[in-house]
N, C-alpha and C. Protein backbone atom coordinates (compact mmCIF):
# COMPACT_ATOMS: atom_id res chain seq x y z
N MET A 1 -7.82 20.52 -10.63
CA MET A 1 -7.97 19.54 -9.56
C MET A 1 -6.97 20.24 -8.52
N ASN A 2 -7.34 20.09 -7.27
CA ASN A 2 -6.76 20.71 -6.20
C ASN A 2 -6.02 19.54 -5.46
N ILE A 3 -5.04 19.94 -4.67
CA ILE A 3 -4.40 18.95 -3.84
C ILE A 3 -5.01 17.92 -3.19
N LEU A 4 -6.07 18.34 -2.30
CA LEU A 4 -7.00 17.25 -1.82
C LEU A 4 -7.60 16.27 -2.93
N GLN A 5 -8.02 16.77 -3.98
CA GLN A 5 -8.77 15.65 -4.78
C GLN A 5 -7.66 14.77 -5.39
N ILE A 6 -6.17 15.24 -5.48
CA ILE A 6 -5.36 14.34 -6.10
C ILE A 6 -4.96 13.34 -4.86
N HIS A 7 -4.83 14.00 -3.69
CA HIS A 7 -4.55 13.02 -2.55
C HIS A 7 -5.81 11.80 -2.52
N ILE A 8 -6.82 12.22 -2.61
CA ILE A 8 -7.73 11.02 -2.79
C ILE A 8 -7.77 10.19 -4.07
N SER A 9 -7.31 10.59 -5.10
CA SER A 9 -7.31 10.05 -6.17
C SER A 9 -5.81 8.99 -6.06
N ILE A 10 -4.91 9.32 -5.37
CA ILE A 10 -3.76 8.59 -5.19
C ILE A 10 -4.10 7.46 -4.31
N ALA A 11 -5.11 7.78 -3.36
CA ALA A 11 -5.48 6.86 -2.25
C ALA A 11 -6.17 5.52 -2.90
N THR A 12 -7.09 5.99 -3.97
CA THR A 12 -7.77 4.89 -4.76
C THR A 12 -6.77 4.39 -5.60
N ALA A 13 -5.78 4.81 -6.15
CA ALA A 13 -4.65 4.32 -6.80
C ALA A 13 -3.92 3.05 -5.71
N VAL A 14 -3.59 3.46 -4.62
CA VAL A 14 -2.98 2.57 -3.60
C VAL A 14 -3.90 1.47 -3.40
N ILE A 15 -5.27 1.64 -3.12
CA ILE A 15 -6.26 0.42 -3.03
C ILE A 15 -6.01 -0.31 -4.11
N LEU A 16 -6.53 0.12 -5.31
CA LEU A 16 -6.46 -0.71 -6.75
C LEU A 16 -5.07 -1.37 -6.88
N PHE A 17 -4.06 -0.68 -6.68
CA PHE A 17 -2.72 -1.10 -7.17
C PHE A 17 -2.32 -2.49 -6.15
N ASN A 18 -2.58 -2.27 -4.83
CA ASN A 18 -2.55 -3.24 -3.99
C ASN A 18 -3.28 -4.57 -4.14
N THR A 19 -4.63 -4.08 -4.52
CA THR A 19 -5.44 -5.25 -4.53
C THR A 19 -5.11 -6.07 -5.95
N LEU A 20 -4.68 -5.45 -6.98
CA LEU A 20 -3.98 -5.95 -8.14
C LEU A 20 -2.81 -6.95 -7.82
N LEU A 21 -1.82 -6.44 -6.85
CA LEU A 21 -0.62 -7.24 -6.63
C LEU A 21 -1.13 -8.40 -5.86
N GLY A 22 -2.15 -8.35 -5.09
CA GLY A 22 -2.72 -9.34 -4.20
C GLY A 22 -3.37 -10.41 -4.98
N ALA A 23 -4.03 -9.96 -6.03
CA ALA A 23 -4.60 -10.79 -6.90
C ALA A 23 -3.57 -11.78 -7.96
N TRP A 24 -2.45 -10.85 -8.22
CA TRP A 24 -1.49 -11.27 -9.42
C TRP A 24 -0.56 -12.34 -8.41
N GLY A 25 -0.37 -12.20 -7.21
CA GLY A 25 0.64 -12.94 -6.40
C GLY A 25 -0.34 -14.31 -5.99
N MET A 26 -1.53 -14.27 -5.71
CA MET A 26 -2.51 -15.22 -5.60
C MET A 26 -2.62 -16.07 -6.63
N ILE A 27 -2.50 -15.79 -7.88
CA ILE A 27 -2.59 -16.41 -9.20
C ILE A 27 -1.24 -17.19 -9.26
N ASN A 28 -0.42 -16.40 -9.04
CA ASN A 28 1.11 -16.97 -8.98
C ASN A 28 1.20 -18.10 -8.19
N PHE A 29 0.75 -17.95 -7.08
CA PHE A 29 0.70 -19.08 -6.14
C PHE A 29 -0.06 -20.26 -6.45
N PHE A 30 -1.29 -20.10 -6.76
CA PHE A 30 -2.13 -21.11 -7.19
C PHE A 30 -1.86 -22.10 -8.47
N ARG A 31 -1.17 -21.15 -9.56
CA ARG A 31 -0.53 -21.72 -10.52
C ARG A 31 0.64 -22.61 -10.30
N GLY A 32 1.36 -22.52 -9.04
CA GLY A 32 2.32 -23.50 -8.76
C GLY A 32 3.71 -22.65 -8.96
N ALA A 33 3.65 -21.30 -9.08
CA ALA A 33 5.04 -20.87 -9.22
C ALA A 33 5.85 -21.02 -7.91
N GLN A 34 7.26 -21.24 -8.29
CA GLN A 34 7.99 -21.69 -7.20
C GLN A 34 8.95 -20.62 -6.62
N GLN A 35 8.90 -19.41 -7.29
CA GLN A 35 9.65 -18.43 -6.77
C GLN A 35 8.93 -16.97 -7.30
N ILE A 36 9.25 -16.02 -6.66
CA ILE A 36 8.81 -14.56 -7.00
C ILE A 36 9.82 -14.16 -8.13
N ASP A 37 9.08 -13.72 -9.33
CA ASP A 37 9.83 -13.22 -10.60
C ASP A 37 10.23 -11.74 -10.28
N GLY A 38 10.91 -11.18 -11.30
CA GLY A 38 11.51 -9.96 -11.13
C GLY A 38 10.30 -8.97 -11.39
N ASN A 39 9.40 -9.32 -12.37
CA ASN A 39 8.28 -8.43 -12.39
C ASN A 39 7.49 -7.99 -11.30
N TYR A 40 7.43 -9.22 -10.66
CA TYR A 40 6.63 -9.09 -9.12
C TYR A 40 7.31 -8.16 -8.18
N TRP A 41 8.32 -8.51 -8.09
CA TRP A 41 9.43 -7.78 -7.08
C TRP A 41 9.37 -6.26 -7.61
N GLY A 42 9.37 -6.04 -8.81
CA GLY A 42 9.43 -4.64 -9.13
C GLY A 42 8.16 -3.84 -8.86
N ALA A 43 7.13 -4.61 -9.11
CA ALA A 43 5.62 -4.07 -8.60
C ALA A 43 5.38 -3.98 -7.22
N LEU A 44 6.13 -4.85 -6.40
CA LEU A 44 5.94 -4.86 -4.75
C LEU A 44 6.67 -3.70 -4.37
N ALA A 45 7.99 -3.32 -4.98
CA ALA A 45 8.69 -1.99 -4.82
C ALA A 45 7.88 -1.08 -5.05
N LEU A 46 7.03 -0.90 -5.97
CA LEU A 46 6.20 0.35 -6.07
C LEU A 46 5.18 0.65 -5.16
N SER A 47 4.68 -0.27 -4.40
CA SER A 47 3.83 0.01 -3.30
C SER A 47 4.18 0.95 -2.50
N PRO A 48 5.31 0.89 -1.64
CA PRO A 48 5.76 2.00 -0.81
C PRO A 48 5.93 3.28 -1.44
N VAL A 49 6.41 3.19 -2.73
CA VAL A 49 6.66 4.48 -3.09
C VAL A 49 5.30 5.29 -3.59
N VAL A 50 4.34 4.60 -3.92
CA VAL A 50 2.79 5.07 -4.18
C VAL A 50 2.50 5.78 -2.63
N GLY A 51 2.89 5.05 -1.63
CA GLY A 51 2.46 5.44 -0.33
C GLY A 51 3.18 6.67 0.00
N LEU A 52 4.32 6.74 -0.26
CA LEU A 52 5.21 7.99 0.15
C LEU A 52 4.82 9.16 -0.75
N ILE A 53 4.36 9.12 -2.07
CA ILE A 53 3.76 9.95 -2.60
C ILE A 53 2.56 10.47 -2.22
N GLN A 54 1.75 9.78 -1.58
CA GLN A 54 0.50 10.01 -0.76
C GLN A 54 1.06 10.62 0.35
N LEU A 55 2.21 10.27 1.20
CA LEU A 55 2.57 11.16 2.31
C LEU A 55 2.90 12.47 2.09
N ALA A 56 3.83 12.59 0.80
CA ALA A 56 4.08 14.11 0.56
C ALA A 56 3.02 14.94 0.41
N LEU A 57 1.82 14.41 -0.38
CA LEU A 57 0.79 15.30 -0.62
C LEU A 57 -0.11 15.50 0.70
N GLY A 58 0.00 14.53 1.53
CA GLY A 58 -0.63 14.57 3.06
C GLY A 58 -0.18 15.75 3.85
N LEU A 59 1.53 15.68 3.66
CA LEU A 59 2.04 16.88 4.40
C LEU A 59 1.82 18.29 3.81
N VAL A 60 1.59 18.22 2.64
CA VAL A 60 1.39 19.36 2.05
C VAL A 60 -0.17 20.00 2.61
N LEU A 61 -1.17 19.19 2.43
CA LEU A 61 -2.48 19.42 3.10
C LEU A 61 -2.18 19.72 4.59
N ILE A 62 -1.42 19.32 5.20
CA ILE A 62 -1.10 19.45 6.80
C ILE A 62 -0.84 20.81 6.83
N GLY A 63 0.40 21.23 5.83
CA GLY A 63 0.79 22.66 5.84
C GLY A 63 -0.23 23.88 5.49
N LEU A 64 -1.17 23.13 4.72
CA LEU A 64 -2.11 24.15 4.19
C LEU A 64 -3.34 24.32 5.51
N GLY A 65 -3.14 23.51 6.62
CA GLY A 65 -4.12 23.61 7.55
C GLY A 65 -5.39 22.57 7.51
N LEU A 66 -5.30 21.81 6.47
CA LEU A 66 -6.50 20.88 6.25
C LEU A 66 -6.24 19.53 7.19
N GLY A 67 -5.00 19.09 7.69
CA GLY A 67 -4.67 18.16 8.70
C GLY A 67 -5.57 18.29 10.01
N SER A 68 -6.12 19.30 10.63
CA SER A 68 -6.69 19.54 11.69
C SER A 68 -7.93 18.56 11.79
N GLN A 69 -8.64 18.41 10.60
CA GLN A 69 -9.88 17.79 10.52
C GLN A 69 -9.65 16.15 10.57
N VAL A 70 -8.51 15.64 10.52
CA VAL A 70 -8.41 14.37 10.13
C VAL A 70 -8.18 13.57 11.52
N ARG A 71 -8.68 12.50 11.73
CA ARG A 71 -8.34 11.65 12.87
C ARG A 71 -7.01 11.11 12.74
N PHE A 72 -6.33 10.83 14.16
CA PHE A 72 -4.90 10.22 13.97
C PHE A 72 -4.65 9.08 13.47
N VAL A 73 -5.75 8.24 13.46
CA VAL A 73 -5.58 6.86 13.02
C VAL A 73 -5.33 6.74 11.46
N HIS A 74 -5.84 7.87 10.78
CA HIS A 74 -5.53 7.97 9.44
C HIS A 74 -4.24 8.10 9.01
N TYR A 75 -3.34 8.52 10.04
CA TYR A 75 -1.88 8.80 9.49
C TYR A 75 -1.30 7.40 10.14
N LEU A 76 -1.91 6.56 10.93
CA LEU A 76 -1.27 5.19 11.07
C LEU A 76 -1.62 4.24 9.90
N TYR A 77 -2.71 4.35 9.50
CA TYR A 77 -2.92 3.37 8.08
C TYR A 77 -2.19 3.68 7.09
N GLY A 78 -1.77 5.16 6.88
CA GLY A 78 -0.95 5.74 5.77
C GLY A 78 0.55 5.16 6.09
N SER A 79 0.74 5.05 7.20
CA SER A 79 2.13 4.59 7.58
C SER A 79 2.47 3.12 7.37
N LEU A 80 1.44 2.31 7.78
CA LEU A 80 1.41 1.02 7.44
C LEU A 80 1.52 0.67 6.04
N VAL A 81 0.75 1.45 4.90
CA VAL A 81 0.84 1.37 3.48
C VAL A 81 2.37 1.37 3.07
N ILE A 82 3.21 2.33 3.95
CA ILE A 82 4.42 2.77 3.48
C ILE A 82 5.47 1.58 3.88
N ILE A 83 5.18 1.10 5.21
CA ILE A 83 6.22 0.26 5.69
C ILE A 83 6.01 -1.36 5.62
N ALA A 84 4.66 -1.73 5.03
CA ALA A 84 4.36 -3.02 4.89
C ALA A 84 5.04 -3.91 4.09
N VAL A 85 5.51 -3.47 3.02
CA VAL A 85 6.28 -4.48 1.84
C VAL A 85 7.83 -4.34 2.57
N PRO A 86 8.53 -3.29 2.84
CA PRO A 86 9.76 -3.30 3.28
C PRO A 86 9.89 -3.95 4.55
N ALA A 87 9.06 -3.92 5.43
CA ALA A 87 9.15 -4.61 6.62
C ALA A 87 8.80 -6.26 6.45
N THR A 88 8.12 -6.57 5.61
CA THR A 88 8.08 -8.13 5.13
C THR A 88 9.24 -8.44 4.47
N PHE A 89 9.98 -7.74 3.58
CA PHE A 89 11.00 -8.07 2.81
C PHE A 89 12.17 -8.17 4.08
N ALA A 90 12.31 -7.38 5.14
CA ALA A 90 13.23 -7.65 6.15
C ALA A 90 12.95 -8.91 6.76
N PHE A 91 11.64 -8.92 7.22
CA PHE A 91 11.23 -10.03 8.04
C PHE A 91 11.32 -11.46 7.42
N THR A 92 11.20 -11.52 6.19
CA THR A 92 11.59 -12.80 5.53
C THR A 92 12.98 -12.96 4.80
N HIS A 93 13.85 -11.87 5.15
CA HIS A 93 15.12 -12.19 4.74
C HIS A 93 15.21 -11.99 3.25
N GLY A 94 14.30 -11.41 2.41
CA GLY A 94 14.28 -11.32 1.23
C GLY A 94 13.90 -12.69 0.36
N ARG A 95 13.46 -13.71 1.06
CA ARG A 95 13.17 -14.98 0.46
C ARG A 95 12.22 -14.67 -0.66
N ASP A 96 12.31 -15.67 -1.78
CA ASP A 96 11.58 -15.35 -2.93
C ASP A 96 10.87 -16.80 -3.16
N ASP A 97 10.62 -17.66 -2.28
CA ASP A 97 10.23 -18.97 -2.58
C ASP A 97 8.62 -19.03 -2.69
N ARG A 98 8.28 -20.20 -2.73
CA ARG A 98 6.60 -20.07 -2.96
C ARG A 98 6.07 -19.77 -1.79
N GLY A 99 6.30 -20.07 -0.46
CA GLY A 99 5.54 -19.44 0.73
C GLY A 99 5.72 -17.80 0.72
N ALA A 100 6.83 -17.34 0.27
CA ALA A 100 6.95 -15.94 0.15
C ALA A 100 6.03 -15.29 -0.98
N ILE A 101 5.76 -16.01 -1.98
CA ILE A 101 4.72 -15.48 -3.01
C ILE A 101 3.24 -15.39 -2.28
N LEU A 102 3.00 -16.50 -1.33
CA LEU A 102 1.69 -16.28 -0.59
C LEU A 102 1.60 -15.06 0.52
N ILE A 103 2.87 -15.12 1.32
CA ILE A 103 2.92 -14.03 2.03
C ILE A 103 2.79 -12.50 1.34
N TYR A 104 3.56 -12.42 0.52
CA TYR A 104 3.24 -11.08 -0.29
C TYR A 104 1.97 -10.80 -0.80
N ALA A 105 1.18 -11.82 -1.35
CA ALA A 105 -0.16 -11.73 -1.82
C ALA A 105 -0.98 -11.52 -0.93
N ALA A 106 -0.89 -12.22 0.45
CA ALA A 106 -1.73 -11.75 1.48
C ALA A 106 -1.55 -10.11 1.98
N LEU A 107 -0.22 -10.00 2.01
CA LEU A 107 0.20 -8.77 2.74
C LEU A 107 -0.43 -7.53 1.83
N THR A 108 -0.18 -7.51 0.37
CA THR A 108 -0.71 -6.75 -0.47
C THR A 108 -2.29 -6.59 -0.51
N LEU A 109 -2.90 -7.65 -0.30
CA LEU A 109 -4.30 -7.42 0.14
C LEU A 109 -4.65 -6.72 1.44
N LEU A 110 -3.79 -7.05 2.24
CA LEU A 110 -4.12 -6.38 3.54
C LEU A 110 -3.69 -4.94 3.50
N THR A 111 -2.58 -4.58 2.76
CA THR A 111 -2.19 -3.29 2.34
C THR A 111 -3.43 -2.54 1.56
N ALA A 112 -3.99 -3.15 0.82
CA ALA A 112 -5.11 -2.34 0.01
C ALA A 112 -6.36 -2.14 1.08
N ALA A 113 -6.34 -3.16 2.11
CA ALA A 113 -7.48 -2.74 3.24
C ALA A 113 -7.07 -1.68 4.01
N PHE A 114 -5.63 -1.49 4.43
CA PHE A 114 -5.26 -0.55 4.92
C PHE A 114 -5.38 1.02 4.40
N GLY A 115 -5.18 0.97 2.97
CA GLY A 115 -5.37 2.13 2.21
C GLY A 115 -7.00 2.42 2.10
N LEU A 116 -7.97 1.48 2.04
CA LEU A 116 -9.25 1.57 1.96
C LEU A 116 -9.64 2.12 3.68
N ARG A 117 -8.97 1.73 4.57
CA ARG A 117 -9.53 2.14 5.92
C ARG A 117 -8.97 3.38 6.18
N GLY A 118 -7.79 3.84 5.53
CA GLY A 118 -7.31 5.40 5.87
C GLY A 118 -8.18 6.37 4.78
N VAL A 119 -8.76 5.89 3.90
CA VAL A 119 -9.75 6.63 3.14
C VAL A 119 -11.03 6.81 3.94
N THR A 120 -11.60 5.93 4.70
CA THR A 120 -12.76 6.03 5.66
C THR A 120 -12.41 6.74 6.88
N THR A 121 -10.99 6.88 7.33
CA THR A 121 -10.79 7.62 8.47
C THR A 121 -10.42 9.22 8.13
N GLY A 122 -10.15 9.39 6.86
CA GLY A 122 -9.58 10.74 6.40
C GLY A 122 -10.51 11.84 6.96
N TYR A 123 -11.68 11.95 6.77
CA TYR A 123 -12.46 13.16 7.38
C TYR A 123 -13.69 12.61 8.09
N GLY A 124 -13.56 11.54 8.79
CA GLY A 124 -14.61 11.22 9.57
C GLY A 124 -15.75 10.46 8.89
N PHE A 125 -15.59 9.90 7.69
CA PHE A 125 -16.89 9.06 6.92
C PHE A 125 -17.32 7.91 8.01
């Protein structure tokens, strides 16, 4: 398996993981959860970490000369995957109430869409 295939596989993981986070958050919200539990916080913290791993592999690909074929917007979607959760945490001042559950659920679904869009802009699909 080469680095490009790993990069593509982790992109799939970003999409699936954030979709699951969004579904988990929505389920918690509609079940009436009053605050974000530690398990969900931990999973949310992994979202940008997976994005950073993706970034590291992308930088290796650029170093190998494969980045010249990628449209610039691909990098913007990748950066949104990395900064979405930390920026929302800062914006909400670390709230963990019921409203924050809905915010993070919607955000992670949006982050999954960023990942999907990043895949489609990678090599001009």
